[in-house]
Amino acid sequence: MDTKEIKTMIENGMPNLVVNVDGDGTHFEALIVSTEFEGKSLIERHKLVYSVLGDAMKEKIHALSLKTFTPQQWESQK
């Protein structure tokens, strides 16, 4: 699995403003900014991303580090 495939899966599965994915083929890092994260805890945000990735999380992705932000949180990071 490559970073472009993961990025596409996330973009197709939820409304996003920003999606960046880096990795080495088994270990990945994703930065996601989405309105879907509003009002959700960190665990709920991660579960949402995992659900979008589906079976790939079990079969193709060994490790995924997530940084999840609402649009407002993202703006305050800049």
N, C-alpha and C. Protein backbone atom coordinates (compact mmCIF):
# COMPACT_ATOMS: atom_id res chain seq x y z
N MET A 1 0.86 -1.18 0.00
CA MET A 1 0.00 0.00 0.00
C MET A 1 0.90 1.24 0.00
N ASP A 2 0.51 2.24 -0.78
CA ASP A 2 1.32 3.45 -0.79
C ASP A 2 0.54 4.64 -0.24
N THR A 3 1.26 5.73 -0.03
CA THR A 3 0.66 6.92 0.59
C THR A 3 -0.47 7.50 -0.24
N LYS A 4 -0.34 7.46 -1.57
CA LYS A 4 -1.39 8.01 -2.43
C LYS A 4 -2.69 7.23 -2.29
N GLU A 5 -2.59 5.92 -2.16
CA GLU A 5 -3.78 5.08 -2.00
C GLU A 5 -4.49 5.39 -0.68
N ILE A 6 -3.73 5.53 0.39
CA ILE A 6 -4.32 5.87 1.69
C ILE A 6 -4.97 7.24 1.63
N LYS A 7 -4.28 8.22 1.04
CA LYS A 7 -4.80 9.58 0.90
C LYS A 7 -6.12 9.58 0.14
N THR A 8 -6.18 8.83 -0.95
CA THR A 8 -7.39 8.75 -1.76
C THR A 8 -8.54 8.12 -0.98
N MET A 9 -8.24 7.06 -0.23
CA MET A 9 -9.29 6.41 0.57
C MET A 9 -9.87 7.37 1.60
N ILE A 10 -9.01 8.13 2.26
CA ILE A 10 -9.49 9.09 3.26
C ILE A 10 -10.30 10.19 2.59
N GLU A 11 -9.79 10.73 1.49
CA GLU A 11 -10.49 11.80 0.78
C GLU A 11 -11.85 11.35 0.27
N ASN A 12 -11.95 10.11 -0.18
CA ASN A 12 -13.22 9.60 -0.69
C ASN A 12 -14.20 9.24 0.41
N GLY A 13 -13.69 8.98 1.61
CA GLY A 13 -14.54 8.50 2.69
C GLY A 13 -15.08 9.55 3.63
N MET A 14 -14.54 10.75 3.58
CA MET A 14 -15.01 11.79 4.49
C MET A 14 -14.66 13.16 3.94
N PRO A 15 -15.44 14.18 4.33
CA PRO A 15 -15.14 15.53 3.83
C PRO A 15 -13.86 16.04 4.50
N ASN A 16 -12.95 16.49 3.69
CA ASN A 16 -11.66 16.95 4.18
C ASN A 16 -11.31 18.30 3.60
N LEU A 17 -10.53 19.01 4.35
CA LEU A 17 -9.93 20.23 3.84
C LEU A 17 -8.46 19.98 3.52
N VAL A 18 -7.81 19.14 4.33
CA VAL A 18 -6.40 18.84 4.15
C VAL A 18 -6.18 17.37 4.46
N VAL A 19 -5.45 16.67 3.60
CA VAL A 19 -5.01 15.31 3.88
C VAL A 19 -3.58 15.20 3.38
N ASN A 20 -2.67 14.87 4.29
CA ASN A 20 -1.28 14.60 3.92
C ASN A 20 -0.91 13.26 4.52
N VAL A 21 -0.30 12.39 3.72
CA VAL A 21 0.11 11.06 4.18
C VAL A 21 1.56 10.83 3.78
N ASP A 22 2.37 10.42 4.75
CA ASP A 22 3.75 10.04 4.52
C ASP A 22 3.94 8.63 5.04
N GLY A 23 4.94 7.92 4.52
CA GLY A 23 5.21 6.59 5.04
C GLY A 23 6.20 5.82 4.21
N ASP A 24 6.51 4.62 4.71
CA ASP A 24 7.52 3.78 4.09
C ASP A 24 6.97 2.50 3.48
N GLY A 25 5.65 2.37 3.38
CA GLY A 25 5.04 1.19 2.81
C GLY A 25 4.31 0.33 3.83
N THR A 26 4.71 0.42 5.10
CA THR A 26 3.99 -0.29 6.16
C THR A 26 3.68 0.62 7.34
N HIS A 27 4.54 1.59 7.59
CA HIS A 27 4.33 2.56 8.66
C HIS A 27 4.00 3.91 8.03
N PHE A 28 2.88 4.50 8.47
CA PHE A 28 2.41 5.73 7.85
C PHE A 28 2.06 6.78 8.90
N GLU A 29 2.10 8.04 8.47
CA GLU A 29 1.65 9.18 9.27
C GLU A 29 0.66 9.95 8.41
N ALA A 30 -0.48 10.31 9.01
CA ALA A 30 -1.48 11.08 8.27
C ALA A 30 -1.88 12.31 9.07
N LEU A 31 -1.95 13.41 8.37
CA LEU A 31 -2.48 14.66 8.92
C LEU A 31 -3.79 14.91 8.21
N ILE A 32 -4.88 15.03 8.98
CA ILE A 32 -6.21 15.18 8.39
C ILE A 32 -6.93 16.35 9.06
N VAL A 33 -7.45 17.24 8.25
CA VAL A 33 -8.28 18.34 8.74
C VAL A 33 -9.66 18.14 8.13
N SER A 34 -10.68 18.01 8.99
CA SER A 34 -12.02 17.74 8.50
C SER A 34 -13.08 18.29 9.45
N THR A 35 -14.19 18.72 8.87
CA THR A 35 -15.33 19.14 9.68
C THR A 35 -15.95 17.96 10.41
N GLU A 36 -15.68 16.74 9.94
CA GLU A 36 -16.20 15.52 10.59
C GLU A 36 -15.68 15.36 12.01
N PHE A 37 -14.57 16.02 12.34
CA PHE A 37 -13.97 15.87 13.66
C PHE A 37 -14.58 16.79 14.71
N GLU A 38 -15.40 17.73 14.28
CA GLU A 38 -15.99 18.68 15.23
C GLU A 38 -16.86 17.97 16.25
N GLY A 39 -16.60 18.24 17.53
CA GLY A 39 -17.37 17.65 18.61
C GLY A 39 -16.99 16.22 18.96
N LYS A 40 -15.92 15.70 18.32
CA LYS A 40 -15.51 14.32 18.57
C LYS A 40 -14.21 14.29 19.39
N SER A 41 -14.10 13.27 20.24
CA SER A 41 -12.88 13.07 21.01
C SER A 41 -11.79 12.55 20.08
N LEU A 42 -10.57 12.52 20.58
CA LEU A 42 -9.45 12.01 19.80
C LEU A 42 -9.69 10.55 19.39
N ILE A 43 -10.18 9.74 20.29
CA ILE A 43 -10.45 8.33 19.98
C ILE A 43 -11.55 8.22 18.93
N GLU A 44 -12.60 9.03 19.04
CA GLU A 44 -13.68 8.99 18.05
C GLU A 44 -13.16 9.41 16.67
N ARG A 45 -12.26 10.37 16.63
CA ARG A 45 -11.67 10.81 15.36
C ARG A 45 -10.87 9.68 14.72
N HIS A 46 -10.06 9.01 15.54
CA HIS A 46 -9.24 7.92 15.02
C HIS A 46 -10.12 6.77 14.53
N LYS A 47 -11.17 6.45 15.27
CA LYS A 47 -12.08 5.38 14.85
C LYS A 47 -12.74 5.73 13.52
N LEU A 48 -13.06 6.99 13.33
CA LEU A 48 -13.67 7.43 12.07
C LEU A 48 -12.71 7.19 10.90
N VAL A 49 -11.46 7.57 11.08
CA VAL A 49 -10.47 7.35 10.02
C VAL A 49 -10.27 5.85 9.78
N TYR A 50 -10.15 5.07 10.85
CA TYR A 50 -9.99 3.62 10.70
C TYR A 50 -11.16 3.00 9.95
N SER A 51 -12.37 3.49 10.22
CA SER A 51 -13.54 2.94 9.53
C SER A 51 -13.50 3.24 8.03
N VAL A 52 -12.99 4.41 7.67
CA VAL A 52 -12.85 4.78 6.27
C VAL A 52 -11.83 3.88 5.58
N LEU A 53 -10.77 3.52 6.30
CA LEU A 53 -9.72 2.68 5.71
C LEU A 53 -10.10 1.20 5.70
N GLY A 54 -11.08 0.82 6.52
CA GLY A 54 -11.63 -0.54 6.49
C GLY A 54 -10.60 -1.64 6.66
N ASP A 55 -10.68 -2.64 5.80
CA ASP A 55 -9.81 -3.82 5.88
C ASP A 55 -8.34 -3.50 5.66
N ALA A 56 -8.04 -2.38 5.03
CA ALA A 56 -6.64 -2.02 4.82
C ALA A 56 -5.91 -1.87 6.16
N MET A 57 -6.64 -1.45 7.20
CA MET A 57 -6.02 -1.32 8.52
C MET A 57 -5.62 -2.68 9.08
N LYS A 58 -6.30 -3.72 8.69
CA LYS A 58 -6.01 -5.06 9.20
C LYS A 58 -5.00 -5.79 8.32
N GLU A 59 -5.04 -5.51 7.02
CA GLU A 59 -4.29 -6.33 6.07
C GLU A 59 -3.07 -5.66 5.45
N LYS A 60 -3.11 -4.35 5.26
CA LYS A 60 -2.04 -3.70 4.49
C LYS A 60 -1.25 -2.65 5.26
N ILE A 61 -1.85 -2.07 6.29
CA ILE A 61 -1.19 -1.00 7.03
C ILE A 61 -0.75 -1.55 8.38
N HIS A 62 0.54 -1.60 8.59
CA HIS A 62 1.06 -2.13 9.85
C HIS A 62 0.88 -1.11 10.98
N ALA A 63 1.17 0.15 10.70
CA ALA A 63 1.05 1.20 11.72
C ALA A 63 0.64 2.51 11.06
N LEU A 64 -0.24 3.23 11.73
CA LEU A 64 -0.72 4.52 11.23
C LEU A 64 -0.79 5.50 12.37
N SER A 65 0.00 6.55 12.29
CA SER A 65 -0.02 7.63 13.27
C SER A 65 -0.91 8.73 12.71
N LEU A 66 -1.87 9.18 13.50
CA LEU A 66 -2.83 10.19 13.03
C LEU A 66 -2.69 11.50 13.78
N LYS A 67 -2.78 12.58 13.04
CA LYS A 67 -2.93 13.92 13.60
C LYS A 67 -4.22 14.44 12.99
N THR A 68 -5.23 14.64 13.83
CA THR A 68 -6.55 15.04 13.35
C THR A 68 -6.93 16.39 13.92
N PHE A 69 -7.44 17.25 13.06
CA PHE A 69 -7.81 18.60 13.46
C PHE A 69 -9.14 19.01 12.83
N THR A 70 -9.90 19.82 13.55
CA THR A 70 -11.03 20.50 12.93
C THR A 70 -10.45 21.68 12.16
N PRO A 71 -11.21 22.29 11.25
CA PRO A 71 -10.69 23.45 10.53
C PRO A 71 -10.24 24.58 11.48
N GLN A 72 -11.01 24.78 12.54
CA GLN A 72 -10.66 25.85 13.51
C GLN A 72 -9.35 25.52 14.22
N GLN A 73 -9.19 24.28 14.64
CA GLN A 73 -7.95 23.86 15.30
C GLN A 73 -6.76 24.00 14.36
N TRP A 74 -6.97 23.64 13.09
CA TRP A 74 -5.91 23.72 12.10
C TRP A 74 -5.46 25.16 11.90
N GLU A 75 -6.41 26.08 11.81
CA GLU A 75 -6.08 27.49 11.63
C GLU A 75 -5.27 28.02 12.81
N SER A 76 -5.58 27.56 14.01
CA SER A 76 -4.83 28.03 15.19
C SER A 76 -3.43 27.42 15.26
N GLN A 77 -3.16 26.34 14.51
CA GLN A 77 -1.85 25.71 14.46
C GLN A 77 -0.87 26.50 13.59
N LYS A 78 -1.40 27.25 12.66
CA LYS A 78 -0.55 27.96 11.69
C LYS A 78 0.14 29.13 12.32
